[in-house]
Amino acid sequence: MATPPGLKAAVAAPQELRLRVWIDETGAWHARAEFVDGRPRAFDSPFELARFVSRLPWPVTPPDPGGLR
């Protein structure tokens, strides 16, 4: 979808994080994300991690003004 002339797409600030994934001695899956500013976030499920990453503020393009609402 192209951005209409004269309208700029909103762009979110880049999100940088360090991701560590491991299997513990009992076979359980774990992950930990740390943002550049030091904020940590732990995950006990790969699905929880995928949900989190999918909700980060990625670049957004405005809806097509002629499209469905």
C-alpha atoms as a PDB file:
ATOM      1  CA  MET A   1       0.000   0.000   0.000  1.00  0.00           C
ATOM      2  CA  ALA A   2       1.499   3.309  -1.087  1.00  0.00           C
ATOM      3  CA  THR A   3       1.347   6.430   1.050  1.00  0.00           C
ATOM      4  CA  PRO A   4      -0.911   9.064  -0.542  1.00  0.00           C
ATOM      5  CA  PRO A   5       0.906  12.112  -1.981  1.00  0.00           C
ATOM      6  CA  GLY A   6       1.587  14.791   0.627  1.00  0.00           C
ATOM      7  CA  LEU A   7       1.096  12.367   3.546  1.00  0.00           C
ATOM      8  CA  LYS A   8       4.102  10.905   5.354  1.00  0.00           C
ATOM      9  CA  ALA A   9       3.944   7.529   7.033  1.00  0.00           C
ATOM     10  CA  ALA A  10       4.371   7.614  10.799  1.00  0.00           C
ATOM     11  CA  VAL A  11       7.586   5.888  11.807  1.00  0.00           C
ATOM     12  CA  ALA A  12       8.162   4.548  15.317  1.00  0.00           C
ATOM     13  CA  ALA A  13      11.524   4.924  16.994  1.00  0.00           C
ATOM     14  CA  PRO A  14      13.788   1.882  16.486  1.00  0.00           C
ATOM     15  CA  GLN A  15      13.562  -0.761  19.196  1.00  0.00           C
ATOM     16  CA  GLU A  16      16.866  -2.416  20.016  1.00  0.00           C
ATOM     17  CA  LEU A  17      17.136  -5.316  22.419  1.00  0.00           C
ATOM     18  CA  ARG A  18      19.381  -8.241  23.266  1.00  0.00           C
ATOM     19  CA  LEU A  19      17.658 -11.601  23.233  1.00  0.00           C
ATOM     20  CA  ARG A  20      18.918 -14.700  25.042  1.00  0.00           C
ATOM     21  CA  VAL A  21      17.202 -18.059  24.615  1.00  0.00           C
ATOM     22  CA  TRP A  22      18.087 -21.260  26.487  1.00  0.00           C
ATOM     23  CA  ILE A  23      16.846 -24.653  27.646  1.00  0.00           C
ATOM     24  CA  ASP A  24      17.436 -25.308  31.337  1.00  0.00           C
ATOM     25  CA  GLU A  25      18.571 -28.578  32.943  1.00  0.00           C
ATOM     26  CA  THR A  26      14.953 -29.784  33.206  1.00  0.00           C
ATOM     27  CA  GLY A  27      14.330 -29.180  29.493  1.00  0.00           C
ATOM     28  CA  ALA A  28      12.187 -26.049  30.001  1.00  0.00           C
ATOM     29  CA  TRP A  29      12.417 -23.267  27.410  1.00  0.00           C
ATOM     30  CA  HIS A  30      13.311 -19.718  28.545  1.00  0.00           C
ATOM     31  CA  ALA A  31      14.134 -16.375  26.964  1.00  0.00           C
ATOM     32  CA  ARG A  32      15.127 -12.961  28.257  1.00  0.00           C
ATOM     33  CA  ALA A  33      15.050  -9.690  26.345  1.00  0.00           C
ATOM     34  CA  GLU A  34      16.947  -6.646  27.574  1.00  0.00           C
ATOM     35  CA  PHE A  35      16.384  -3.247  26.018  1.00  0.00           C
ATOM     36  CA  VAL A  36      19.325  -0.876  25.535  1.00  0.00           C
ATOM     37  CA  ASP A  37      18.164   1.171  28.541  1.00  0.00           C
ATOM     38  CA  GLY A  38      18.438  -1.942  30.758  1.00  0.00           C
ATOM     39  CA  ARG A  39      14.735  -2.848  31.015  1.00  0.00           C
ATOM     40  CA  PRO A  40      14.480  -6.659  31.200  1.00  0.00           C
ATOM     41  CA  ARG A  41      11.596  -8.899  30.103  1.00  0.00           C
ATOM     42  CA  ALA A  42      11.534 -12.664  30.752  1.00  0.00           C
ATOM     43  CA  PHE A  43       9.572 -15.265  28.752  1.00  0.00           C
ATOM     44  CA  ASP A  44       8.700 -18.863  29.590  1.00  0.00           C
ATOM     45  CA  SER A  45       7.106 -19.626  26.224  1.00  0.00           C
ATOM     46  CA  PRO A  46       8.197 -19.020  22.621  1.00  0.00           C
ATOM     47  CA  PHE A  47       4.591 -18.033  21.889  1.00  0.00           C
ATOM     48  CA  GLU A  48       4.714 -15.369  24.604  1.00  0.00           C
ATOM     49  CA  LEU A  49       7.943 -14.033  23.046  1.00  0.00           C
ATOM     50  CA  ALA A  50       6.376 -13.991  19.554  1.00  0.00           C
ATOM     51  CA  ARG A  51       3.329 -12.123  20.888  1.00  0.00           C
ATOM     52  CA  PHE A  52       5.583  -9.558  22.595  1.00  0.00           C
ATOM     53  CA  VAL A  53       7.717  -8.963  19.481  1.00  0.00           C
ATOM     54  CA  SER A  54       4.643  -8.646  17.259  1.00  0.00           C
ATOM     55  CA  ARG A  55       3.353  -5.799  19.470  1.00  0.00           C
ATOM     56  CA  LEU A  56       6.508  -3.688  19.498  1.00  0.00           C
ATOM     57  CA  PRO A  57       5.948  -0.285  17.884  1.00  0.00           C
ATOM     58  CA  TRP A  58       6.935  -1.037  14.289  1.00  0.00           C
ATOM     59  CA  PRO A  59       6.639   1.554  11.507  1.00  0.00           C
ATOM     60  CA  VAL A  60       3.005   2.241  10.725  1.00  0.00           C
ATOM     61  CA  THR A  61       1.444   3.454   7.496  1.00  0.00           C
ATOM     62  CA  PRO A  62      -1.847   5.339   7.639  1.00  0.00           C
ATOM     63  CA  PRO A  63      -4.964   3.554   6.380  1.00  0.00           C
ATOM     64  CA  ASP A  64      -6.051   4.051   2.785  1.00  0.00           C
ATOM     65  CA  PRO A  65      -8.545   6.957   2.886  1.00  0.00           C
ATOM     66  CA  GLY A  66     -10.669   5.222   0.257  1.00  0.00           C
ATOM     67  CA  GLY A  67     -10.577   1.819   1.958  1.00  0.00           C
ATOM     68  CA  LEU A  68     -12.878   0.067   4.415  1.00  0.00           C
ATOM     69  CA  ARG A  69     -13.250   1.541   7.875  1.00  0.00           C
END
